[in-house]
Amino acid sequence: GFGGISGTDCTARGCCYDETSPHRWCYPRATRTQWANYTSSNPQSYRTMRSGPGEQPQDVQEAEAAKRRAETQQQSKQDKVLEDKLSRFKKMRQKLGKTSPP
């Protein structure tokens, strides 16, 4: 890509122009397949580096999603353990209620 180039000069070259990019404003056009191949084979690609406010690179998003899934699974396991304990407690309480004298 090219930095410090005007939008007119960029589009005259047949390129894409994006002032929101912190690295390159002008870059060659690519087909969807070329772009997908480039970004998947180059994690530090332009697309990854141009994450705007509130956005994160895909690898960071994937890591955070995996972390959230693990936390959800852990919470689910803890909930099941607590439900089992509560169930055992209720059964014990019922037994004690039936065997205790009036």
PDB file of N, CA and C in Angstrom:
ATOM      1  N   GLY A   1       0.807  -1.181   0.000  1.00  0.00           N
ATOM      2  CA  GLY A   1       0.000   0.000   0.000  1.00  0.00           C
ATOM      3  C   GLY A   1       0.852   1.246   0.000  1.00  0.00           C
ATOM      4  N   PHE A   2       0.210   2.358  -0.164  1.00  0.00           N
ATOM      5  CA  PHE A   2       0.902   3.636  -0.254  1.00  0.00           C
ATOM      6  C   PHE A   2       0.414   4.565   0.848  1.00  0.00           C
ATOM      7  N   GLY A   3       1.326   5.254   1.489  1.00  0.00           N
ATOM      8  CA  GLY A   3       0.973   6.231   2.498  1.00  0.00           C
ATOM      9  C   GLY A   3       1.177   7.626   1.945  1.00  0.00           C
ATOM     10  N   GLY A   4       0.474   8.611   2.495  1.00  0.00           N
ATOM     11  CA  GLY A   4       0.674  10.007   2.106  1.00  0.00           C
ATOM     12  C   GLY A   4       0.278  10.307   0.675  1.00  0.00           C
ATOM     13  N   ILE A   5      -0.719   9.638   0.166  1.00  0.00           N
ATOM     14  CA  ILE A   5      -1.166   9.870  -1.210  1.00  0.00           C
ATOM     15  C   ILE A   5      -2.598  10.399  -1.152  1.00  0.00           C
ATOM     16  N   SER A   6      -2.959  11.244  -2.106  1.00  0.00           N
ATOM     17  CA  SER A   6      -4.312  11.805  -2.090  1.00  0.00           C
ATOM     18  C   SER A   6      -5.309  10.775  -2.608  1.00  0.00           C
ATOM     19  N   GLY A   7      -6.559  10.970  -2.245  1.00  0.00           N
ATOM     20  CA  GLY A   7      -7.609  10.073  -2.691  1.00  0.00           C
ATOM     21  C   GLY A   7      -7.737  10.034  -4.196  1.00  0.00           C
ATOM     22  N   THR A   8      -7.571  11.188  -4.834  1.00  0.00           N
ATOM     23  CA  THR A   8      -7.676  11.271  -6.293  1.00  0.00           C
ATOM     24  C   THR A   8      -6.556  10.481  -6.956  1.00  0.00           C
ATOM     25  N   ASP A   9      -5.323  10.671  -6.476  1.00  0.00           N
ATOM     26  CA  ASP A   9      -4.177   9.939  -7.047  1.00  0.00           C
ATOM     27  C   ASP A   9      -4.342   8.441  -6.832  1.00  0.00           C
ATOM     28  N   CYS A  10      -4.847   8.082  -5.664  1.00  0.00           N
ATOM     29  CA  CYS A  10      -5.024   6.673  -5.328  1.00  0.00           C
ATOM     30  C   CYS A  10      -6.032   6.016  -6.266  1.00  0.00           C
ATOM     31  N   THR A  11      -7.213   6.634  -6.399  1.00  0.00           N
ATOM     32  CA  THR A  11      -8.234   6.039  -7.260  1.00  0.00           C
ATOM     33  C   THR A  11      -7.813   6.080  -8.718  1.00  0.00           C
ATOM     34  N   ALA A  12      -6.990   7.054  -9.106  1.00  0.00           N
ATOM     35  CA  ALA A  12      -6.470   7.099 -10.480  1.00  0.00           C
ATOM     36  C   ALA A  12      -5.584   5.886 -10.756  1.00  0.00           C
ATOM     37  N   ARG A  13      -4.933   5.367  -9.748  1.00  0.00           N
ATOM     38  CA  ARG A  13      -4.106   4.160  -9.895  1.00  0.00           C
ATOM     39  C   ARG A  13      -4.961   2.887  -9.906  1.00  0.00           C
ATOM     40  N   GLY A  14      -6.272   3.038  -9.619  1.00  0.00           N
ATOM     41  CA  GLY A  14      -7.148   1.870  -9.568  1.00  0.00           C
ATOM     42  C   GLY A  14      -7.120   1.193  -8.210  1.00  0.00           C
ATOM     43  N   CYS A  15      -6.721   1.950  -7.199  1.00  0.00           N
ATOM     44  CA  CYS A  15      -6.603   1.396  -5.851  1.00  0.00           C
ATOM     45  C   CYS A  15      -7.771   1.822  -4.969  1.00  0.00           C
ATOM     46  N   CYS A  16      -7.821   1.276  -3.781  1.00  0.00           N
ATOM     47  CA  CYS A  16      -8.806   1.646  -2.772  1.00  0.00           C
ATOM     48  C   CYS A  16      -8.195   2.700  -1.857  1.00  0.00           C
ATOM     49  N   TYR A  17      -9.002   3.640  -1.406  1.00  0.00           N
ATOM     50  CA  TYR A  17      -8.525   4.731  -0.551  1.00  0.00           C
ATOM     51  C   TYR A  17      -9.297   4.720   0.756  1.00  0.00           C
ATOM     52  N   ASP A  18      -8.586   4.735   1.876  1.00  0.00           N
ATOM     53  CA  ASP A  18      -9.240   4.671   3.188  1.00  0.00           C
ATOM     54  C   ASP A  18      -8.452   5.515   4.191  1.00  0.00           C
ATOM     55  N   GLU A  19      -8.960   6.693   4.509  1.00  0.00           N
ATOM     56  CA  GLU A  19      -8.271   7.588   5.441  1.00  0.00           C
ATOM     57  C   GLU A  19      -8.335   7.096   6.882  1.00  0.00           C
ATOM     58  N   THR A  20      -9.233   6.148   7.181  1.00  0.00           N
ATOM     59  CA  THR A  20      -9.349   5.664   8.558  1.00  0.00           C
ATOM     60  C   THR A  20      -8.232   4.700   8.930  1.00  0.00           C
ATOM     61  N   SER A  21      -7.486   4.256   7.951  1.00  0.00           N
ATOM     62  CA  SER A  21      -6.393   3.329   8.220  1.00  0.00           C
ATOM     63  C   SER A  21      -5.225   4.062   8.871  1.00  0.00           C
ATOM     64  N   PRO A  22      -4.711   3.547   9.991  1.00  0.00           N
ATOM     65  CA  PRO A  22      -3.580   4.200  10.623  1.00  0.00           C
ATOM     66  C   PRO A  22      -2.256   3.930   9.903  1.00  0.00           C
ATOM     67  N   HIS A  23      -2.251   3.000   8.954  1.00  0.00           N
ATOM     68  CA  HIS A  23      -0.992   2.602   8.322  1.00  0.00           C
ATOM     69  C   HIS A  23      -0.896   3.003   6.855  1.00  0.00           C
ATOM     70  N   ARG A  24      -1.863   2.636   6.062  1.00  0.00           N
ATOM     71  CA  ARG A  24      -1.826   2.942   4.629  1.00  0.00           C
ATOM     72  C   ARG A  24      -3.204   3.429   4.199  1.00  0.00           C
ATOM     73  N   TRP A  25      -3.228   4.504   3.470  1.00  0.00           N
ATOM     74  CA  TRP A  25      -4.502   5.030   3.009  1.00  0.00           C
ATOM     75  C   TRP A  25      -4.866   4.477   1.640  1.00  0.00           C
ATOM     76  N   CYS A  26      -3.893   4.105   0.868  1.00  0.00           N
ATOM     77  CA  CYS A  26      -4.121   3.661  -0.495  1.00  0.00           C
ATOM     78  C   CYS A  26      -3.549   2.261  -0.653  1.00  0.00           C
ATOM     79  N   TYR A  27      -4.365   1.352  -1.136  1.00  0.00           N
ATOM     80  CA  TYR A  27      -3.887  -0.017  -1.297  1.00  0.00           C
ATOM     81  C   TYR A  27      -4.552  -0.627  -2.529  1.00  0.00           C
ATOM     82  N   PRO A  28      -3.869  -1.573  -3.167  1.00  0.00           N
ATOM     83  CA  PRO A  28      -4.410  -2.171  -4.397  1.00  0.00           C
ATOM     84  C   PRO A  28      -5.724  -2.888  -4.130  1.00  0.00           C
ATOM     85  N   ARG A  29      -6.600  -2.836  -5.123  1.00  0.00           N
ATOM     86  CA  ARG A  29      -7.862  -3.577  -5.024  1.00  0.00           C
ATOM     87  C   ARG A  29      -7.547  -5.065  -5.093  1.00  0.00           C
ATOM     88  N   ALA A  30      -8.357  -5.846  -4.430  1.00  0.00           N
ATOM     89  CA  ALA A  30      -8.189  -7.287  -4.466  1.00  0.00           C
ATOM     90  C   ALA A  30      -9.564  -7.937  -4.565  1.00  0.00           C
ATOM     91  N   THR A  31      -9.594  -9.119  -5.132  1.00  0.00           N
ATOM     92  CA  THR A  31     -10.856  -9.850  -5.163  1.00  0.00           C
ATOM     93  C   THR A  31     -11.116 -10.373  -3.756  1.00  0.00           C
ATOM     94  N   ARG A  32     -12.335 -10.784  -3.496  1.00  0.00           N
ATOM     95  CA  ARG A  32     -12.657 -11.324  -2.170  1.00  0.00           C
ATOM     96  C   ARG A  32     -11.763 -12.517  -1.842  1.00  0.00           C
ATOM     97  N   THR A  33     -11.524 -13.377  -2.816  1.00  0.00           N
ATOM     98  CA  THR A  33     -10.692 -14.559  -2.585  1.00  0.00           C
ATOM     99  C   THR A  33      -9.255 -14.154  -2.273  1.00  0.00           C
ATOM    100  N   GLN A  34      -8.713 -13.233  -3.045  1.00  0.00           N
ATOM    101  CA  GLN A  34      -7.348 -12.767  -2.777  1.00  0.00           C
ATOM    102  C   GLN A  34      -7.258 -12.146  -1.388  1.00  0.00           C
ATOM    103  N   TRP A  35      -8.251 -11.338  -1.036  1.00  0.00           N
ATOM    104  CA  TRP A  35      -8.238 -10.666   0.265  1.00  0.00           C
ATOM    105  C   TRP A  35      -8.351 -11.682   1.394  1.00  0.00           C
ATOM    106  N   ALA A  36      -9.238 -12.659   1.234  1.00  0.00           N
ATOM    107  CA  ALA A  36      -9.405 -13.688   2.270  1.00  0.00           C
ATOM    108  C   ALA A  36      -8.122 -14.496   2.424  1.00  0.00           C
ATOM    109  N   ASN A  37      -7.506 -14.872   1.303  1.00  0.00           N
ATOM    110  CA  ASN A  37      -6.251 -15.628   1.375  1.00  0.00           C
ATOM    111  C   ASN A  37      -5.149 -14.802   2.023  1.00  0.00           C
ATOM    112  N   TYR A  38      -5.068 -13.525   1.660  1.00  0.00           N
ATOM    113  CA  TYR A  38      -4.026 -12.668   2.212  1.00  0.00           C
ATOM    114  C   TYR A  38      -4.188 -12.486   3.719  1.00  0.00           C
ATOM    115  N   THR A  39      -5.412 -12.191   4.155  1.00  0.00           N
ATOM    116  CA  THR A  39      -5.612 -11.919   5.568  1.00  0.00           C
ATOM    117  C   THR A  39      -5.477 -13.173   6.412  1.00  0.00           C
ATOM    118  N   SER A  40      -5.842 -14.346   5.858  1.00  0.00           N
ATOM    119  CA  SER A  40      -5.704 -15.576   6.648  1.00  0.00           C
ATOM    120  C   SER A  40      -4.254 -16.039   6.703  1.00  0.00           C
ATOM    121  N   SER A  41      -3.472 -15.760   5.651  1.00  0.00           N
ATOM    122  CA  SER A  41      -2.073 -16.195   5.651  1.00  0.00           C
ATOM    123  C   SER A  41      -1.152 -15.163   6.295  1.00  0.00           C
ATOM    124  N   ASN A  42      -1.662 -13.952   6.539  1.00  0.00           N
ATOM    125  CA  ASN A  42      -0.841 -12.893   7.096  1.00  0.00           C
ATOM    126  C   ASN A  42      -1.594 -12.234   8.253  1.00  0.00           C
ATOM    127  N   PRO A  43      -1.491 -12.806   9.456  1.00  0.00           N
ATOM    128  CA  PRO A  43      -2.285 -12.280  10.575  1.00  0.00           C
ATOM    129  C   PRO A  43      -1.984 -10.826  10.923  1.00  0.00           C
ATOM    130  N   GLN A  44      -0.833 -10.325  10.577  1.00  0.00           N
ATOM    131  CA  GLN A  44      -0.525  -8.912  10.838  1.00  0.00           C
ATOM    132  C   GLN A  44      -0.823  -8.065   9.609  1.00  0.00           C
ATOM    133  N   SER A  45      -1.807  -8.505   8.836  1.00  0.00           N
ATOM    134  CA  SER A  45      -2.165  -7.819   7.605  1.00  0.00           C
ATOM    135  C   SER A  45      -2.791  -6.459   7.883  1.00  0.00           C
ATOM    136  N   TYR A  46      -3.006  -5.745   6.819  1.00  0.00           N
ATOM    137  CA  TYR A  46      -3.635  -4.426   6.904  1.00  0.00           C
ATOM    138  C   TYR A  46      -4.975  -4.523   7.612  1.00  0.00           C
ATOM    139  N   ARG A  47      -5.773  -5.526   7.269  1.00  0.00           N
ATOM    140  CA  ARG A  47      -7.106  -5.657   7.859  1.00  0.00           C
ATOM    141  C   ARG A  47      -7.004  -5.850   9.369  1.00  0.00           C
ATOM    142  N   THR A  48      -6.048  -6.642   9.814  1.00  0.00           N
ATOM    143  CA  THR A  48      -5.870  -6.886  11.235  1.00  0.00           C
ATOM    144  C   THR A  48      -5.387  -5.621  11.934  1.00  0.00           C
ATOM    145  N   MET A  49      -4.460  -4.922  11.316  1.00  0.00           N
ATOM    146  CA  MET A  49      -3.853  -3.761  11.962  1.00  0.00           C
ATOM    147  C   MET A  49      -4.782  -2.547  11.947  1.00  0.00           C
ATOM    148  N   ARG A  50      -5.774  -2.511  11.060  1.00  0.00           N
ATOM    149  CA  ARG A  50      -6.605  -1.313  10.961  1.00  0.00           C
ATOM    150  C   ARG A  50      -7.826  -1.376  11.858  1.00  0.00           C
ATOM    151  N   SER A  51      -7.834  -2.264  12.794  1.00  0.00           N
ATOM    152  CA  SER A  51      -8.966  -2.344  13.709  1.00  0.00           C
ATOM    153  C   SER A  51      -9.238  -0.972  14.296  1.00  0.00           C
ATOM    154  N   GLY A  52     -10.467  -0.572  14.210  1.00  0.00           N
ATOM    155  CA  GLY A  52     -10.834   0.745  14.710  1.00  0.00           C
ATOM    156  C   GLY A  52     -11.179   0.692  16.186  1.00  0.00           C
ATOM    157  N   PRO A  53     -11.649   1.814  16.727  1.00  0.00           N
ATOM    158  CA  PRO A  53     -12.032   1.844  18.135  1.00  0.00           C
ATOM    159  C   PRO A  53     -13.126   0.813  18.406  1.00  0.00           C
ATOM    160  N   GLY A  54     -12.954   0.033  19.435  1.00  0.00           N
ATOM    161  CA  GLY A  54     -13.938  -0.974  19.780  1.00  0.00           C
ATOM    162  C   GLY A  54     -13.773  -2.283  19.033  1.00  0.00           C
ATOM    163  N   GLU A  55     -12.911  -2.302  18.038  1.00  0.00           N
ATOM    164  CA  GLU A  55     -12.658  -3.522  17.284  1.00  0.00           C
ATOM    165  C   GLU A  55     -11.326  -4.100  17.726  1.00  0.00           C
ATOM    166  N   GLN A  56     -11.200  -5.398  17.571  1.00  0.00           N
ATOM    167  CA  GLN A  56      -9.934  -6.031  17.895  1.00  0.00           C
ATOM    168  C   GLN A  56      -9.559  -6.944  16.749  1.00  0.00           C
ATOM    169  N   PRO A  57      -8.269  -7.215  16.586  1.00  0.00           N
ATOM    170  CA  PRO A  57      -7.861  -8.142  15.539  1.00  0.00           C
ATOM    171  C   PRO A  57      -8.546  -9.491  15.720  1.00  0.00           C
ATOM    172  N   GLN A  58      -8.707 -10.207  14.602  1.00  0.00           N
ATOM    173  CA  GLN A  58      -9.451 -11.469  14.626  1.00  0.00           C
ATOM    174  C   GLN A  58      -8.848 -12.473  15.603  1.00  0.00           C
ATOM    175  N   ASP A  59      -7.522 -12.560  15.670  1.00  0.00           N
ATOM    176  CA  ASP A  59      -6.912 -13.532  16.583  1.00  0.00           C
ATOM    177  C   ASP A  59      -7.244 -13.198  18.039  1.00  0.00           C
ATOM    178  N   VAL A  60      -7.328 -11.916  18.367  1.00  0.00           N
ATOM    179  CA  VAL A  60      -7.687 -11.503  19.728  1.00  0.00           C
ATOM    180  C   VAL A  60      -9.159 -11.819  19.987  1.00  0.00           C
ATOM    181  N   GLN A  61     -10.009 -11.552  18.979  1.00  0.00           N
ATOM    182  CA  GLN A  61     -11.436 -11.867  19.125  1.00  0.00           C
ATOM    183  C   GLN A  61     -11.631 -13.360  19.332  1.00  0.00           C
ATOM    184  N   GLU A  62     -10.899 -14.181  18.562  1.00  0.00           N
ATOM    185  CA  GLU A  62     -11.026 -15.633  18.698  1.00  0.00           C
ATOM    186  C   GLU A  62     -10.550 -16.104  20.068  1.00  0.00           C
ATOM    187  N   ALA A  63      -9.454 -15.525  20.557  1.00  0.00           N
ATOM    188  CA  ALA A  63      -8.937 -15.901  21.876  1.00  0.00           C
ATOM    189  C   ALA A  63      -9.946 -15.523  22.967  1.00  0.00           C
ATOM    190  N   GLU A  64     -10.531 -14.343  22.846  1.00  0.00           N
ATOM    191  CA  GLU A  64     -11.523 -13.915  23.834  1.00  0.00           C
ATOM    192  C   GLU A  64     -12.776 -14.781  23.777  1.00  0.00           C
ATOM    193  N   ALA A  65     -13.184 -15.171  22.572  1.00  0.00           N
ATOM    194  CA  ALA A  65     -14.354 -16.043  22.427  1.00  0.00           C
ATOM    195  C   ALA A  65     -14.083 -17.403  23.060  1.00  0.00           C
ATOM    196  N   ALA A  66     -12.875 -17.932  22.842  1.00  0.00           N
ATOM    197  CA  ALA A  66     -12.509 -19.220  23.447  1.00  0.00           C
ATOM    198  C   ALA A  66     -12.496 -19.109  24.971  1.00  0.00           C
ATOM    199  N   LYS A  67     -12.006 -17.991  25.474  1.00  0.00           N
ATOM    200  CA  LYS A  67     -11.967 -17.776  26.924  1.00  0.00           C
ATOM    201  C   LYS A  67     -13.389 -17.712  27.492  1.00  0.00           C
ATOM    202  N   ARG A  68     -14.288 -16.993  26.777  1.00  0.00           N
ATOM    203  CA  ARG A  68     -15.680 -16.904  27.229  1.00  0.00           C
ATOM    204  C   ARG A  68     -16.355 -18.275  27.203  1.00  0.00           C
ATOM    205  N   ARG A  69     -16.073 -19.074  26.154  1.00  0.00           N
ATOM    206  CA  ARG A  69     -16.650 -20.419  26.094  1.00  0.00           C
ATOM    207  C   ARG A  69     -16.170 -21.264  27.256  1.00  0.00           C
ATOM    208  N   ALA A  70     -14.871 -21.188  27.574  1.00  0.00           N
ATOM    209  CA  ALA A  70     -14.321 -21.950  28.697  1.00  0.00           C
ATOM    210  C   ALA A  70     -14.950 -21.506  30.013  1.00  0.00           C
ATOM    211  N   GLU A  71     -15.118 -20.189  30.196  1.00  0.00           N
ATOM    212  CA  GLU A  71     -15.748 -19.675  31.416  1.00  0.00           C
ATOM    213  C   GLU A  71     -17.194 -20.139  31.523  1.00  0.00           C
ATOM    214  N   THR A  72     -17.908 -20.143  30.401  1.00  0.00           N
ATOM    215  CA  THR A  72     -19.297 -20.596  30.388  1.00  0.00           C
ATOM    216  C   THR A  72     -19.384 -22.073  30.748  1.00  0.00           C
ATOM    217  N   GLN A  73     -18.473 -22.874  30.177  1.00  0.00           N
ATOM    218  CA  GLN A  73     -18.453 -24.303  30.497  1.00  0.00           C
ATOM    219  C   GLN A  73     -18.146 -24.526  31.972  1.00  0.00           C
ATOM    220  N   GLN A  74     -17.201 -23.768  32.499  1.00  0.00           N
ATOM    221  CA  GLN A  74     -16.837 -23.886  33.917  1.00  0.00           C
ATOM    222  C   GLN A  74     -18.023 -23.514  34.795  1.00  0.00           C
ATOM    223  N   GLN A  75     -18.710 -22.433  34.449  1.00  0.00           N
ATOM    224  CA  GLN A  75     -19.879 -22.001  35.216  1.00  0.00           C
ATOM    225  C   GLN A  75     -20.972 -23.060  35.153  1.00  0.00           C
ATOM    226  N   SER A  76     -21.131 -23.656  33.983  1.00  0.00           N
ATOM    227  CA  SER A  76     -22.129 -24.706  33.814  1.00  0.00           C
ATOM    228  C   SER A  76     -21.831 -25.901  34.720  1.00  0.00           C
ATOM    229  N   LYS A  77     -20.564 -26.274  34.791  1.00  0.00           N
ATOM    230  CA  LYS A  77     -20.157 -27.383  35.663  1.00  0.00           C
ATOM    231  C   LYS A  77     -20.431 -27.038  37.133  1.00  0.00           C
ATOM    232  N   GLN A  78     -20.095 -25.814  37.522  1.00  0.00           N
ATOM    233  CA  GLN A  78     -20.324 -25.389  38.897  1.00  0.00           C
ATOM    234  C   GLN A  78     -21.818 -25.379  39.222  1.00  0.00           C
ATOM    235  N   ASP A  79     -22.633 -24.922  38.276  1.00  0.00           N
ATOM    236  CA  ASP A  79     -24.077 -24.910  38.485  1.00  0.00           C
ATOM    237  C   ASP A  79     -24.610 -26.332  38.666  1.00  0.00           C
ATOM    238  N   LYS A  80     -24.109 -27.258  37.862  1.00  0.00           N
ATOM    239  CA  LYS A  80     -24.552 -28.653  37.969  1.00  0.00           C
ATOM    240  C   LYS A  80     -24.172 -29.233  39.327  1.00  0.00           C
ATOM    241  N   VAL A  81     -22.959 -28.960  39.790  1.00  0.00           N
ATOM    242  CA  VAL A  81     -22.523 -29.447  41.104  1.00  0.00           C
ATOM    243  C   VAL A  81     -23.433 -28.897  42.194  1.00  0.00           C
ATOM    244  N   LEU A  82     -23.743 -27.612  42.131  1.00  0.00           N
ATOM    245  CA  LEU A  82     -24.629 -27.007  43.130  1.00  0.00           C
ATOM    246  C   LEU A  82     -26.040 -27.592  43.074  1.00  0.00           C
ATOM    247  N   GLU A  83     -26.535 -27.836  41.870  1.00  0.00           N
ATOM    248  CA  GLU A  83     -27.862 -28.450  41.734  1.00  0.00           C
ATOM    249  C   GLU A  83     -27.872 -29.855  42.343  1.00  0.00           C
ATOM    250  N   ASP A  84     -26.802 -30.623  42.105  1.00  0.00           N
ATOM    251  CA  ASP A  84     -26.693 -31.968  42.689  1.00  0.00           C
ATOM    252  C   ASP A  84     -26.672 -31.904  44.213  1.00  0.00           C
ATOM    253  N   LYS A  85     -25.906 -30.972  44.755  1.00  0.00           N
ATOM    254  CA  LYS A  85     -25.840 -30.828  46.212  1.00  0.00           C
ATOM    255  C   LYS A  85     -27.206 -30.459  46.780  1.00  0.00           C
ATOM    256  N   LEU A  86     -27.890 -29.531  46.121  1.00  0.00           N
ATOM    257  CA  LEU A  86     -29.207 -29.116  46.584  1.00  0.00           C
ATOM    258  C   LEU A  86     -30.187 -30.284  46.525  1.00  0.00           C
ATOM    259  N   SER A  87     -30.115 -31.048  45.467  1.00  0.00           N
ATOM    260  CA  SER A  87     -30.997 -32.210  45.329  1.00  0.00           C
ATOM    261  C   SER A  87     -30.747 -33.217  46.452  1.00  0.00           C
ATOM    262  N   ARG A  88     -29.480 -33.500  46.743  1.00  0.00           N
ATOM    263  CA  ARG A  88     -29.141 -34.426  47.837  1.00  0.00           C
ATOM    264  C   ARG A  88     -29.619 -33.874  49.182  1.00  0.00           C
ATOM    265  N   PHE A  89     -29.457 -32.571  49.362  1.00  0.00           N
ATOM    266  CA  PHE A  89     -29.903 -31.941  50.615  1.00  0.00           C
ATOM    267  C   PHE A  89     -31.416 -32.090  50.784  1.00  0.00           C
ATOM    268  N   LYS A  90     -32.165 -31.839  49.715  1.00  0.00           N
ATOM    269  CA  LYS A  90     -33.623 -31.951  49.784  1.00  0.00           C
ATOM    270  C   LYS A  90     -34.045 -33.388  50.086  1.00  0.00           C
ATOM    271  N   LYS A  91     -33.379 -34.361  49.458  1.00  0.00           N
ATOM    272  CA  LYS A  91     -33.707 -35.770  49.714  1.00  0.00           C
ATOM    273  C   LYS A  91     -33.416 -36.126  51.168  1.00  0.00           C
ATOM    274  N   MET A  92     -32.270 -35.668  51.689  1.00  0.00           N
ATOM    275  CA  MET A  92     -31.913 -35.948  53.081  1.00  0.00           C
ATOM    276  C   MET A  92     -32.928 -35.302  54.016  1.00  0.00           C
ATOM    277  N   ARG A  93     -33.334 -34.107  53.711  1.00  0.00           N
ATOM    278  CA  ARG A  93     -34.304 -33.392  54.541  1.00  0.00           C
ATOM    279  C   ARG A  93     -35.652 -34.117  54.562  1.00  0.00           C
ATOM    280  N   GLN A  94     -36.049 -34.639  53.400  1.00  0.00           N
ATOM    281  CA  GLN A  94     -37.307 -35.392  53.342  1.00  0.00           C
ATOM    282  C   GLN A  94     -37.217 -36.671  54.196  1.00  0.00           C
ATOM    283  N   LYS A  95     -36.066 -37.359  54.102  1.00  0.00           N
ATOM    284  CA  LYS A  95     -35.876 -38.570  54.909  1.00  0.00           C
ATOM    285  C   LYS A  95     -35.951 -38.249  56.380  1.00  0.00           C
ATOM    286  N   LEU A  96     -35.268 -37.195  56.783  1.00  0.00           N
ATOM    287  CA  LEU A  96     -35.265 -36.816  58.195  1.00  0.00           C
ATOM    288  C   LEU A  96     -36.660 -36.409  58.641  1.00  0.00           C
ATOM    289  N   GLY A  97     -37.409 -35.772  57.776  1.00  0.00           N
ATOM    290  CA  GLY A  97     -38.769 -35.363  58.110  1.00  0.00           C
ATOM    291  C   GLY A  97     -39.687 -36.562  58.300  1.00  0.00           C
ATOM    292  N   LYS A  98     -39.470 -37.616  57.539  1.00  0.00           N
ATOM    293  CA  LYS A  98     -40.313 -38.815  57.652  1.00  0.00           C
ATOM    294  C   LYS A  98     -39.942 -39.648  58.863  1.00  0.00           C
ATOM    295  N   THR A  99     -38.664 -39.671  59.240  1.00  0.00           N
ATOM    296  CA  THR A  99     -38.220 -40.530  60.346  1.00  0.00           C
ATOM    297  C   THR A  99     -38.283 -39.846  61.697  1.00  0.00           C
ATOM    298  N   SER A 100     -38.374 -38.525  61.730  1.00  0.00           N
ATOM    299  CA  SER A 100     -38.385 -37.859  63.042  1.00  0.00           C
ATOM    300  C   SER A 100     -39.773 -37.964  63.666  1.00  0.00           C
ATOM    301  N   PRO A 101     -39.835 -38.075  64.987  1.00  0.00           N
ATOM    302  CA  PRO A 101     -41.111 -38.224  65.684  1.00  0.00           C
ATOM    303  C   PRO A 101     -41.949 -36.946  65.566  1.00  0.00           C
ATOM    304  N   PRO A 102     -43.259 -37.075  65.592  1.00  0.00           N
ATOM    305  CA  PRO A 102     -44.148 -35.904  65.482  1.00  0.00           C
ATOM    306  C   PRO A 102     -44.096 -34.993  66.674  1.00  0.00           C
TER     307      PRO A 102
END
